[in-house]
Protein backbone atom coordinates (compact mmCIF):
# COMPACT_ATOMS: atom_id res chain seq x y z
CA UNK A 1 31.93 -2.55 -13.99
CA UNK A 2 32.84 -4.08 -11.21
CA UNK A 3 33.41 -1.70 -8.12
CA UNK A 4 36.43 -2.98 -7.09
CA UNK A 5 38.01 -2.32 -10.33
CA UNK A 6 36.34 1.31 -11.03
CA UNK A 7 38.14 1.54 -7.48
CA UNK A 8 41.60 0.26 -8.29
CA UNK A 9 41.52 2.39 -11.42
CA UNK A 10 40.67 5.30 -9.51
CA UNK A 11 43.66 4.96 -7.25
CA UNK A 12 46.27 4.24 -10.27
CA UNK A 13 45.01 6.53 -13.19
CA UNK A 14 46.51 10.03 -13.18
CA UNK A 15 44.20 12.45 -13.67
CA UNK A 16 42.47 14.30 -16.27
CA UNK A 17 45.12 13.30 -18.89
CA UNK A 18 45.23 10.25 -21.79
CA UNK A 19 47.84 7.57 -20.08
CA UNK A 20 48.47 4.14 -22.24
CA UNK A 21 48.50 0.89 -19.70
CA UNK A 22 51.26 -1.50 -19.60
CA UNK A 23 48.92 -3.38 -22.31
CA UNK A 24 49.91 -1.89 -25.21
CA UNK A 25 47.26 0.02 -27.29
CA UNK A 26 45.16 -0.02 -24.08
CA UNK A 27 44.46 3.78 -23.20
CA UNK A 28 42.42 5.54 -20.28
CA UNK A 29 41.40 8.68 -18.92
CA UNK A 30 40.18 9.60 -15.41
CA UNK A 31 39.00 13.02 -15.07
CA UNK A 32 37.91 14.27 -11.61
CA UNK A 33 36.57 17.63 -12.59
CA UNK A 34 34.09 18.66 -15.33
CA UNK A 35 35.68 19.96 -18.69
CA UNK A 36 35.64 22.25 -21.22
CA UNK A 37 34.74 21.02 -24.80
CA UNK A 38 37.69 19.50 -25.81
CA UNK A 39 39.13 18.75 -29.09
CA UNK A 40 40.95 15.55 -29.67
CA UNK A 41 41.61 13.14 -33.23
CA UNK A 42 40.33 9.67 -32.22
CA UNK A 43 42.01 6.76 -33.71
CA UNK A 44 40.38 4.08 -35.11
CA UNK A 45 39.28 2.63 -31.47
CA UNK A 46 36.75 1.38 -28.98
CA UNK A 47 36.04 3.70 -26.56
CA UNK A 48 33.98 2.50 -23.44
CA UNK A 49 32.70 4.85 -20.67
CA UNK A 50 33.55 2.73 -17.30
CA UNK A 51 32.61 5.69 -14.93
CA UNK A 52 30.51 8.92 -15.43
CA UNK A 53 28.62 10.19 -18.39
CA UNK A 54 30.47 12.51 -21.46
CA UNK A 55 29.06 14.55 -24.41
CA UNK A 56 30.83 13.69 -27.87
CA UNK A 57 30.45 15.59 -30.74
CA UNK A 58 31.11 14.84 -34.25
CA UNK A 59 30.83 17.52 -36.63
CA UNK A 60 26.98 18.90 -36.06
CA UNK A 61 26.06 15.35 -33.83
CA UNK A 62 26.12 15.17 -30.18
CA UNK A 63 25.57 12.22 -28.07
CA UNK A 64 25.97 11.26 -24.67
CA UNK A 65 27.93 8.07 -23.33
CA UNK A 66 27.94 6.15 -20.75
CA UNK A 67 27.93 2.44 -19.58
CA UNK A 68 25.13 1.41 -21.90
CA UNK A 69 27.14 2.42 -25.26
CA UNK A 70 30.52 1.99 -26.31
CA UNK A 71 31.98 4.11 -29.36
CA UNK A 72 33.24 2.47 -32.54
CA UNK A 73 35.59 4.62 -34.36
CA UNK A 74 36.43 3.04 -37.72
CA UNK A 75 38.88 5.95 -38.31
CA UNK A 76 40.61 9.09 -37.55
CA UNK A 77 37.85 11.13 -36.17
CA UNK A 78 38.33 14.81 -35.01
CA UNK A 79 36.01 14.65 -32.14
CA UNK A 80 35.13 17.15 -29.58
CA UNK A 81 34.54 16.02 -26.09
CA UNK A 82 32.32 17.40 -23.06
CA UNK A 83 32.53 16.59 -19.05
CA UNK A 84 29.44 18.33 -17.72
CA UNK A 85 29.85 16.26 -14.11
CA UNK A 86 32.80 14.80 -12.19
CA UNK A 87 34.38 14.73 -8.92
CA UNK A 88 37.39 12.99 -6.97
CA UNK A 89 35.34 10.70 -5.00
CA UNK A 90 32.98 9.95 -8.66
CA UNK A 91 35.59 10.70 -11.74
CA UNK A 92 34.43 10.13 -15.27
CA UNK A 93 36.88 6.97 -16.27
CA UNK A 94 37.06 6.19 -20.09
CA UNK A 95 39.05 3.42 -21.85
CA UNK A 96 39.90 3.00 -25.12
CA UNK A 97 41.78 -0.48 -27.38
CA UNK A 98 43.21 0.66 -30.43
CA UNK A 99 41.93 -1.18 -33.53
CA UNK A 100 44.30 -4.08 -34.67
CA UNK A 101 43.64 -5.03 -38.54
CA UNK A 102 45.47 -7.89 -38.51
CA UNK A 103 43.85 -9.55 -35.34
CA UNK A 104 40.63 -8.12 -37.02
CA UNK A 105 41.17 -10.39 -40.08
CA UNK A 106 42.59 -13.24 -38.38
CA UNK A 107 39.55 -13.57 -36.51
CA UNK A 108 37.54 -12.89 -39.53
CA UNK A 109 38.86 -15.23 -41.15
CA UNK A 110 37.64 -18.14 -38.32
CA UNK A 111 34.00 -16.94 -38.37
CA UNK A 112 31.56 -19.09 -40.39
CA UNK A 113 30.54 -16.40 -43.54
CA UNK A 114 27.08 -14.83 -42.63
CA UNK A 115 24.39 -14.07 -45.32
CA UNK A 116 25.05 -10.18 -46.77
CA UNK A 117 23.65 -7.66 -44.76
CA UNK A 118 22.86 -4.06 -45.53
CA UNK A 119 26.35 -2.62 -44.06
CA UNK A 120 25.15 1.38 -44.05
CA UNK A 121 27.27 3.36 -41.60
CA UNK A 122 24.58 3.35 -38.10
CA UNK A 123 27.24 5.98 -36.37
CA UNK A 124 29.63 5.82 -33.79
CA UNK A 125 27.37 4.78 -30.61
CA UNK A 126 26.47 0.33 -30.30
CA UNK A 127 24.98 -0.94 -27.66
CA UNK A 128 27.18 -2.36 -25.01
CA UNK A 129 26.24 -5.62 -23.37
CA UNK A 130 27.21 -7.59 -21.00
CA UNK A 131 29.04 -10.54 -22.54
CA UNK A 132 31.42 -8.20 -24.15
CA UNK A 133 31.92 -5.73 -20.73
CA UNK A 134 33.01 -8.69 -19.36
CA UNK A 135 35.55 -9.50 -21.60
CA UNK A 136 37.03 -5.91 -21.43
CA UNK A 137 36.72 -6.54 -17.63
CA UNK A 138 39.36 -10.01 -17.99
CA UNK A 139 41.80 -7.48 -20.26
CA UNK A 140 41.99 -4.55 -17.17
CA UNK A 141 42.62 -7.26 -14.78
CA UNK A 142 45.54 -8.08 -16.23
CA UNK A 143 46.83 -5.16 -15.04
CA UNK A 144 47.26 -6.96 -11.66
CA UNK A 145 49.19 -9.68 -13.26
CA UNK A 146 51.49 -7.62 -15.68
CA UNK A 147 53.93 -11.35 -16.03
CA UNK A 148 50.54 -12.74 -17.83
CA UNK A 149 50.35 -9.67 -20.14
CA UNK A 150 52.20 -11.11 -22.93
CA UNK A 151 50.67 -13.95 -23.21
CA UNK A 152 47.19 -13.30 -21.93
CA UNK A 153 46.15 -10.16 -23.64
CA UNK A 154 46.00 -10.61 -27.48
CA UNK A 155 43.85 -13.68 -26.85
CA UNK A 156 41.69 -11.81 -24.76
CA UNK A 157 41.59 -9.28 -27.67
CA UNK A 158 40.94 -11.61 -30.13
CA UNK A 159 37.69 -12.60 -27.95
CA UNK A 160 36.81 -8.98 -28.03
CA UNK A 161 36.72 -9.16 -31.58
CA UNK A 162 35.26 -11.77 -32.17
CA UNK A 163 32.38 -10.77 -29.95
CA UNK A 164 32.70 -7.19 -31.49
CA UNK A 165 32.30 -8.91 -35.70
CA UNK A 166 29.34 -11.02 -34.38
CA UNK A 167 27.51 -8.12 -33.07
CA UNK A 168 24.30 -6.88 -34.45
CA UNK A 169 26.67 -3.99 -36.00
CA UNK A 170 28.86 -6.07 -36.72
CA UNK A 171 29.68 -5.86 -40.11
CA UNK A 172 31.07 -2.25 -39.95
CA UNK A 173 34.12 -4.09 -38.21
CA UNK A 174 34.04 -6.58 -41.10
CA UNK A 175 34.44 -3.77 -43.45
CA UNK A 176 37.21 -2.13 -42.02
CA UNK A 177 38.97 -5.27 -41.99
CA UNK A 178 38.29 -5.28 -45.82
CA UNK A 179 40.77 -3.94 -48.04
CA UNK A 180 38.43 -3.25 -50.95
CA UNK A 181 35.82 -2.24 -48.84
CA UNK A 182 34.80 1.76 -49.00
CA UNK A 183 35.32 2.21 -45.02
CA UNK A 184 39.03 0.68 -45.18
CA UNK A 185 39.46 3.02 -47.89
CA UNK A 186 37.88 5.75 -46.22
CA UNK A 187 40.41 5.07 -43.25
CA UNK A 188 43.43 5.12 -45.39
CA UNK A 189 42.43 8.33 -47.11
CA UNK A 190 41.83 10.34 -43.35
CA UNK A 191 45.08 8.93 -42.33
CA UNK A 192 47.03 10.13 -45.40
CA UNK A 193 44.95 13.72 -44.00
CA UNK A 194 46.38 13.53 -40.70
CA UNK A 195 50.03 12.92 -41.53
CA UNK A 196 49.85 16.06 -44.22
CA UNK A 197 48.20 18.98 -42.28
CA UNK A 198 50.31 21.15 -43.99
CA UNK A 199 49.56 20.02 -47.77
CA UNK A 200 46.42 21.16 -49.64
CA UNK A 201 43.78 18.88 -49.92
CA UNK A 202 42.96 17.42 -53.28
CA UNK A 203 39.35 15.90 -53.64
CA UNK A 204 39.93 14.56 -56.75
CA UNK A 205 43.56 12.67 -56.07
CA UNK A 206 42.47 11.19 -52.71
CA UNK A 207 39.10 9.77 -54.85
CA UNK A 208 41.22 8.15 -57.21
CA UNK A 209 43.57 6.78 -54.85
CA UNK A 210 40.50 5.39 -53.55
CA UNK A 211 39.01 3.87 -56.44
CA UNK A 212 36.15 6.14 -56.38
CA UNK A 213 34.14 8.65 -58.44
CA UNK A 214 34.27 11.89 -56.83
CA UNK A 215 30.74 11.92 -55.67
CA UNK A 216 30.89 8.00 -54.56
CA UNK A 217 33.96 9.44 -51.96
CA UNK A 218 32.46 12.21 -50.88
CA UNK A 219 28.83 9.89 -50.56
CA UNK A 220 31.10 7.47 -48.52
CA UNK A 221 33.39 9.93 -46.71
CA UNK A 222 30.76 11.82 -45.15
CA UNK A 223 28.52 9.28 -43.97
CA UNK A 224 31.19 7.72 -42.07
CA UNK A 225 33.04 10.51 -40.46
CA UNK A 226 29.92 13.07 -40.68
CA UNK A 227 32.10 15.88 -42.15
CA UNK A 228 33.01 16.77 -45.87
CA UNK A 229 36.67 16.14 -46.87
CA UNK A 230 37.22 19.68 -46.94
CA UNK A 231 35.68 20.37 -43.62
CA UNK A 232 37.46 17.58 -41.91
CA UNK A 233 40.77 18.22 -42.90
CA UNK A 234 39.95 22.20 -41.70
CA UNK A 235 39.41 19.85 -38.31
CA UNK A 236 41.80 18.25 -37.56
CA UNK A 237 44.16 21.24 -38.61
CA UNK A 238 42.71 23.18 -35.81
CA UNK A 239 42.83 20.69 -33.78
CA UNK A 240 46.29 19.74 -33.84
CA UNK A 241 47.01 23.93 -33.76
CA UNK A 242 45.19 24.01 -30.48
CA UNK A 243 47.42 21.25 -29.13
CA UNK A 244 50.18 22.75 -30.61
CA UNK A 245 49.09 26.38 -28.87
CA UNK A 246 48.34 24.93 -25.47
CA UNK A 247 51.77 23.56 -25.63
CA UNK A 248 53.41 26.97 -26.03
CA UNK A 249 56.17 25.90 -27.80
CA UNK A 250 56.25 27.80 -30.90
CA UNK A 251 55.38 31.03 -32.08
CA UNK A 252 51.19 31.22 -33.27
CA UNK A 253 52.94 31.80 -36.77
CA UNK A 254 54.47 28.97 -36.91
CA UNK A 255 51.64 26.90 -35.55
CA UNK A 256 50.02 28.29 -38.43
CA UNK A 257 52.22 27.29 -41.06
CA UNK A 258 52.58 23.78 -39.33
CA UNK A 259 49.10 23.24 -39.82
CA UNK A 260 49.47 24.13 -43.58
CA UNK A 261 47.73 27.79 -42.97
CA UNK A 262 49.59 30.22 -45.38
CA UNK A 263 47.69 33.37 -43.77
CA UNK A 264 48.17 33.83 -40.19
CA UNK A 265 45.54 36.00 -40.35
CA UNK A 266 42.78 33.56 -41.65
CA UNK A 267 44.49 30.70 -39.49
CA UNK A 268 43.35 33.00 -36.43
CA UNK A 269 39.59 33.97 -37.85
CA UNK A 270 39.34 30.35 -38.49
CA UNK A 271 40.81 28.69 -35.35
CA UNK A 272 38.18 31.98 -33.12
CA UNK A 273 35.70 30.65 -35.16
CA UNK A 274 36.22 26.86 -34.47
CA UNK A 275 36.95 27.28 -30.55
CA UNK A 276 35.69 30.94 -29.65
CA UNK A 277 38.54 32.20 -29.11
CA UNK A 278 41.64 34.20 -30.63
CA UNK A 279 44.98 31.84 -30.45
CA UNK A 280 46.88 34.27 -28.45
CA UNK A 281 43.98 34.05 -25.58
CA UNK A 282 44.68 30.35 -25.83
CA UNK A 283 48.11 30.17 -25.14
CA UNK A 284 49.14 27.00 -22.58
């Protein structure tokens, strides 16, 4: 990333919070200090660390992300992030771009079909090459020319999707755009789970909705999310619960009920097991 662009982002971005830019679907996070391990739900996105480094935990996996890799999130993922080093002079700056399925499909229709390959999930870490980074730089540069955003931002996003679709791991993005693919079906299942935190999870019903056997659904779900459906649902619930708890606007009992726990004591036990502190000691 160009030093001048880093300097510009450093000056304009608020610190230690996620903000949406003037370009729809393009977000930034600028940390000027180390952070505790923070849980959050990453929507389907491409994420790039523009400066610095951060640790990402997905299930039991832990990976470092810096300027040499991007993070590909094909579905809603309950992640944990840890920034170990950041200062006001050298902040960690992260950019994320939401995936737009219709735009991906439109671009996919223009690309000559490739021979079928093994699209086994290769994880969330993809190589970030100079060509793709240069296109993202042009997208970010539109922030200096707001009058051009409406016309040019989608054109640049189309080139980004072209680069991603034709990359070595582009098969997974192709799968996300195909309605009948396992990746797309799991994406729809995770969206349902995210929007129904207060309801019990019935794996058999989810598998049926996705048109899969229970064993196939379980296998595909864990391959993509690194969690079983039940573990995933619990992570979503507790991540949302911590967000509500930090806001401090409603009681702990209300939070437990809102994210689907009938027993406040069970909620407190699982919260402490997940975050190392009881809800009462973790209020905002």
